[in-house]
Amino acid sequence: MRPVRYKINSVLLTHITFQLSRLPVRRVDEAAGRREGAALPGVEERAALIERYAAWPVDTSIVEEIARGTDGLSAAHIREVCYAAALASADAPAGFADALRRQVGRVLHQHRRARSYDFGLGARKAGFA
């Protein structure tokens, strides 16, 4: 880390920068929140994660249903789904299971859009229209 100073219109700005080129790649990935090569959880692990992060008790059949429907999601995604469902159903905890289903649908939709994003770029022209 080294401080960088800029003088703009008589104001001295100082900020700290990391020289990323000196950091090991693993540390850069951790800083960015990426875990390359990490295995995604299986159905049993996803069910355990849902039970772990669920704000309210959920019926076992619903946990199994959601665990089967979340193939391809990481542990962080499942945690996000559970936390978002808890916030969405804070006023009515009885609706937590439905909120879980909605949040799973939202995250899976985001994944589909992210995977197909670069394919759609070929059809667009660069710049402003």
C-alpha atoms as a PDB file:
ATOM      1  CA  MET A   1       0.000   0.000   0.000  1.00  0.00           C
ATOM      2  CA  ARG A   2       1.292   3.440  -0.794  1.00  0.00           C
ATOM      3  CA  PRO A   3      -0.337   6.818  -0.481  1.00  0.00           C
ATOM      4  CA  VAL A   4      -0.935   8.735  -3.695  1.00  0.00           C
ATOM      5  CA  ARG A   5      -1.293  12.484  -3.575  1.00  0.00           C
ATOM      6  CA  TYR A   6      -2.881  14.756  -6.148  1.00  0.00           C
ATOM      7  CA  LYS A   7      -3.106  18.530  -6.062  1.00  0.00           C
ATOM      8  CA  ILE A   8      -6.200  19.868  -7.793  1.00  0.00           C
ATOM      9  CA  ASN A   9      -7.107  23.572  -7.507  1.00  0.00           C
ATOM     10  CA  SER A  10      -5.139  23.999  -4.266  1.00  0.00           C
ATOM     11  CA  VAL A  11      -6.778  20.943  -2.682  1.00  0.00           C
ATOM     12  CA  LEU A  12      -4.553  18.071  -1.708  1.00  0.00           C
ATOM     13  CA  LEU A  13      -6.231  14.700  -2.203  1.00  0.00           C
ATOM     14  CA  THR A  14      -4.685  11.601  -0.683  1.00  0.00           C
ATOM     15  CA  HIS A  15      -5.803   8.035  -1.096  1.00  0.00           C
ATOM     16  CA  ILE A  16      -4.329   4.623  -0.475  1.00  0.00           C
ATOM     17  CA  THR A  17      -3.875   2.214  -3.355  1.00  0.00           C
ATOM     18  CA  PHE A  18      -3.060  -1.443  -3.463  1.00  0.00           C
ATOM     19  CA  GLN A  19      -0.606  -2.472  -6.094  1.00  0.00           C
ATOM     20  CA  LEU A  20      -2.556  -5.448  -7.340  1.00  0.00           C
ATOM     21  CA  SER A  21       0.326  -6.609  -9.494  1.00  0.00           C
ATOM     22  CA  ARG A  22       2.255  -7.431  -6.330  1.00  0.00           C
ATOM     23  CA  LEU A  23      -0.521  -9.446  -4.717  1.00  0.00           C
ATOM     24  CA  PRO A  24      -0.846 -13.198  -5.306  1.00  0.00           C
ATOM     25  CA  VAL A  25      -3.669 -14.028  -7.711  1.00  0.00           C
ATOM     26  CA  ARG A  26      -5.516 -15.860  -4.931  1.00  0.00           C
ATOM     27  CA  ARG A  27      -5.638 -12.670  -2.850  1.00  0.00           C
ATOM     28  CA  VAL A  28      -6.907 -10.626  -5.778  1.00  0.00           C
ATOM     29  CA  ASP A  29      -9.644 -13.218  -6.361  1.00  0.00           C
ATOM     30  CA  GLU A  30     -10.566 -13.115  -2.667  1.00  0.00           C
ATOM     31  CA  ALA A  31     -10.730  -9.337  -2.755  1.00  0.00           C
ATOM     32  CA  ALA A  32     -13.085  -9.544  -5.722  1.00  0.00           C
ATOM     33  CA  GLY A  33     -15.190 -12.216  -4.033  1.00  0.00           C
ATOM     34  CA  ARG A  34     -14.337 -14.881  -6.600  1.00  0.00           C
ATOM     35  CA  ARG A  35     -13.506 -18.460  -5.777  1.00  0.00           C
ATOM     36  CA  GLU A  36     -12.310 -19.997  -9.032  1.00  0.00           C
ATOM     37  CA  GLY A  37     -12.343 -23.751  -9.105  1.00  0.00           C
ATOM     38  CA  ALA A  38     -14.464 -24.085  -5.986  1.00  0.00           C
ATOM     39  CA  ALA A  39     -16.927 -26.945  -6.264  1.00  0.00           C
ATOM     40  CA  LEU A  40     -20.582 -26.009  -6.135  1.00  0.00           C
ATOM     41  CA  PRO A  41     -22.625 -27.648  -3.388  1.00  0.00           C
ATOM     42  CA  GLY A  42     -24.665 -30.744  -4.179  1.00  0.00           C
ATOM     43  CA  VAL A  43     -28.338 -31.245  -3.334  1.00  0.00           C
ATOM     44  CA  GLU A  44     -27.657 -32.376   0.254  1.00  0.00           C
ATOM     45  CA  GLU A  45     -25.272 -29.475   0.888  1.00  0.00           C
ATOM     46  CA  ARG A  46     -27.726 -26.981  -0.589  1.00  0.00           C
ATOM     47  CA  ALA A  47     -30.489 -28.347   1.654  1.00  0.00           C
ATOM     48  CA  ALA A  48     -28.216 -27.989   4.686  1.00  0.00           C
ATOM     49  CA  LEU A  49     -27.355 -24.423   3.649  1.00  0.00           C
ATOM     50  CA  ILE A  50     -31.027 -23.527   3.266  1.00  0.00           C
ATOM     51  CA  GLU A  51     -31.769 -24.898   6.721  1.00  0.00           C
ATOM     52  CA  ARG A  52     -28.731 -23.080   8.111  1.00  0.00           C
ATOM     53  CA  TYR A  53     -29.607 -19.670   6.662  1.00  0.00           C
ATOM     54  CA  ALA A  54     -33.406 -19.867   6.859  1.00  0.00           C
ATOM     55  CA  ALA A  55     -34.767 -17.168   9.123  1.00  0.00           C
ATOM     56  CA  TRP A  56     -37.745 -19.308  10.127  1.00  0.00           C
ATOM     57  CA  PRO A  57     -38.348 -23.060  10.227  1.00  0.00           C
ATOM     58  CA  VAL A  58     -39.199 -24.475   6.812  1.00  0.00           C
ATOM     59  CA  ASP A  59     -40.923 -27.784   6.082  1.00  0.00           C
ATOM     60  CA  THR A  60     -38.486 -30.489   4.964  1.00  0.00           C
ATOM     61  CA  SER A  61     -40.344 -31.074   1.694  1.00  0.00           C
ATOM     62  CA  ILE A  62     -39.994 -27.396   0.791  1.00  0.00           C
ATOM     63  CA  VAL A  63     -36.277 -27.408   1.660  1.00  0.00           C
ATOM     64  CA  GLU A  64     -35.777 -30.449  -0.593  1.00  0.00           C
ATOM     65  CA  GLU A  65     -37.781 -28.843  -3.411  1.00  0.00           C
ATOM     66  CA  ILE A  66     -35.750 -25.647  -3.244  1.00  0.00           C
ATOM     67  CA  ALA A  67     -32.455 -27.549  -2.935  1.00  0.00           C
ATOM     68  CA  ARG A  68     -33.264 -29.535  -6.098  1.00  0.00           C
ATOM     69  CA  GLY A  69     -34.184 -26.327  -7.929  1.00  0.00           C
ATOM     70  CA  THR A  70     -31.002 -24.458  -7.082  1.00  0.00           C
ATOM     71  CA  ASP A  71     -28.530 -26.496  -9.118  1.00  0.00           C
ATOM     72  CA  GLY A  72     -25.632 -24.296 -10.184  1.00  0.00           C
ATOM     73  CA  LEU A  73     -25.919 -21.850  -7.281  1.00  0.00           C
ATOM     74  CA  SER A  74     -23.056 -21.358  -4.878  1.00  0.00           C
ATOM     75  CA  ALA A  75     -23.302 -21.250  -1.101  1.00  0.00           C
ATOM     76  CA  ALA A  76     -23.159 -17.445  -1.284  1.00  0.00           C
ATOM     77  CA  HIS A  77     -26.128 -17.392  -3.675  1.00  0.00           C
ATOM     78  CA  ILE A  78     -28.146 -19.627  -1.381  1.00  0.00           C
ATOM     79  CA  ARG A  79     -27.325 -17.392   1.567  1.00  0.00           C
ATOM     80  CA  GLU A  80     -28.428 -14.365  -0.487  1.00  0.00           C
ATOM     81  CA  VAL A  81     -31.693 -16.112  -1.373  1.00  0.00           C
ATOM     82  CA  CYS A  82     -32.408 -16.904   2.285  1.00  0.00           C
ATOM     83  CA  TYR A  83     -31.573 -13.408   3.515  1.00  0.00           C
ATOM     84  CA  ALA A  84     -33.636 -11.730   0.787  1.00  0.00           C
ATOM     85  CA  ALA A  85     -36.569 -14.056   1.524  1.00  0.00           C
ATOM     86  CA  ALA A  86     -36.297 -13.226   5.228  1.00  0.00           C
ATOM     87  CA  LEU A  87     -36.448  -9.502   4.460  1.00  0.00           C
ATOM     88  CA  ALA A  88     -39.365  -9.972   2.057  1.00  0.00           C
ATOM     89  CA  SER A  89     -41.358 -11.950   4.617  1.00  0.00           C
ATOM     90  CA  ALA A  90     -40.384 -10.022   7.742  1.00  0.00           C
ATOM     91  CA  ASP A  91     -43.940  -8.820   8.315  1.00  0.00           C
ATOM     92  CA  ALA A  92     -45.487 -12.242   7.644  1.00  0.00           C
ATOM     93  CA  PRO A  93     -43.111 -15.109   8.516  1.00  0.00           C
ATOM     94  CA  ALA A  94     -45.723 -17.623   7.354  1.00  0.00           C
ATOM     95  CA  GLY A  95     -44.933 -16.509   3.784  1.00  0.00           C
ATOM     96  CA  PHE A  96     -41.237 -17.334   4.107  1.00  0.00           C
ATOM     97  CA  ALA A  97     -41.450 -20.470   1.915  1.00  0.00           C
ATOM     98  CA  ASP A  98     -43.129 -18.552  -0.901  1.00  0.00           C
ATOM     99  CA  ALA A  99     -40.565 -15.785  -0.540  1.00  0.00           C
ATOM    100  CA  LEU A 100     -37.796 -18.403  -0.840  1.00  0.00           C
ATOM    101  CA  ARG A 101     -39.309 -19.667  -4.088  1.00  0.00           C
ATOM    102  CA  ARG A 102     -39.572 -16.127  -5.486  1.00  0.00           C
ATOM    103  CA  GLN A 103     -35.996 -15.300  -4.540  1.00  0.00           C
ATOM    104  CA  VAL A 104     -34.677 -18.524  -6.084  1.00  0.00           C
ATOM    105  CA  GLY A 105     -36.506 -17.601  -9.286  1.00  0.00           C
ATOM    106  CA  ARG A 106     -34.986 -14.116  -9.192  1.00  0.00           C
ATOM    107  CA  VAL A 107     -31.407 -15.371  -8.748  1.00  0.00           C
ATOM    108  CA  LEU A 108     -31.782 -18.083 -11.406  1.00  0.00           C
ATOM    109  CA  HIS A 109     -33.195 -15.473 -13.800  1.00  0.00           C
ATOM    110  CA  GLN A 110     -30.161 -13.265 -13.134  1.00  0.00           C
ATOM    111  CA  HIS A 111     -27.872 -16.213 -13.853  1.00  0.00           C
ATOM    112  CA  ARG A 112     -29.583 -16.944 -17.164  1.00  0.00           C
ATOM    113  CA  ARG A 113     -29.352 -13.298 -18.195  1.00  0.00           C
ATOM    114  CA  ALA A 114     -25.692 -13.090 -17.186  1.00  0.00           C
ATOM    115  CA  ARG A 115     -24.828 -16.212 -19.200  1.00  0.00           C
ATOM    116  CA  SER A 116     -26.583 -14.923 -22.314  1.00  0.00           C
ATOM    117  CA  TYR A 117     -25.460 -11.295 -21.988  1.00  0.00           C
ATOM    118  CA  ASP A 118     -22.371 -11.548 -24.175  1.00  0.00           C
ATOM    119  CA  PHE A 119     -24.323 -13.334 -26.930  1.00  0.00           C
ATOM    120  CA  GLY A 120     -26.650 -10.356 -27.229  1.00  0.00           C
ATOM    121  CA  LEU A 121     -23.799  -7.905 -27.604  1.00  0.00           C
ATOM    122  CA  GLY A 122     -22.995  -9.143 -31.095  1.00  0.00           C
ATOM    123  CA  ALA A 123     -26.332  -7.897 -32.391  1.00  0.00           C
ATOM    124  CA  ARG A 124     -25.870  -4.381 -31.003  1.00  0.00           C
ATOM    125  CA  LYS A 125     -23.751  -1.607 -32.411  1.00  0.00           C
ATOM    126  CA  ALA A 126     -21.108  -0.015 -30.222  1.00  0.00           C
ATOM    127  CA  GLY A 127     -21.493   3.609 -29.197  1.00  0.00           C
ATOM    128  CA  PHE A 128     -24.498   5.797 -28.722  1.00  0.00           C
ATOM    129  CA  ALA A 129     -27.492   5.701 -31.038  1.00  0.00           C
END
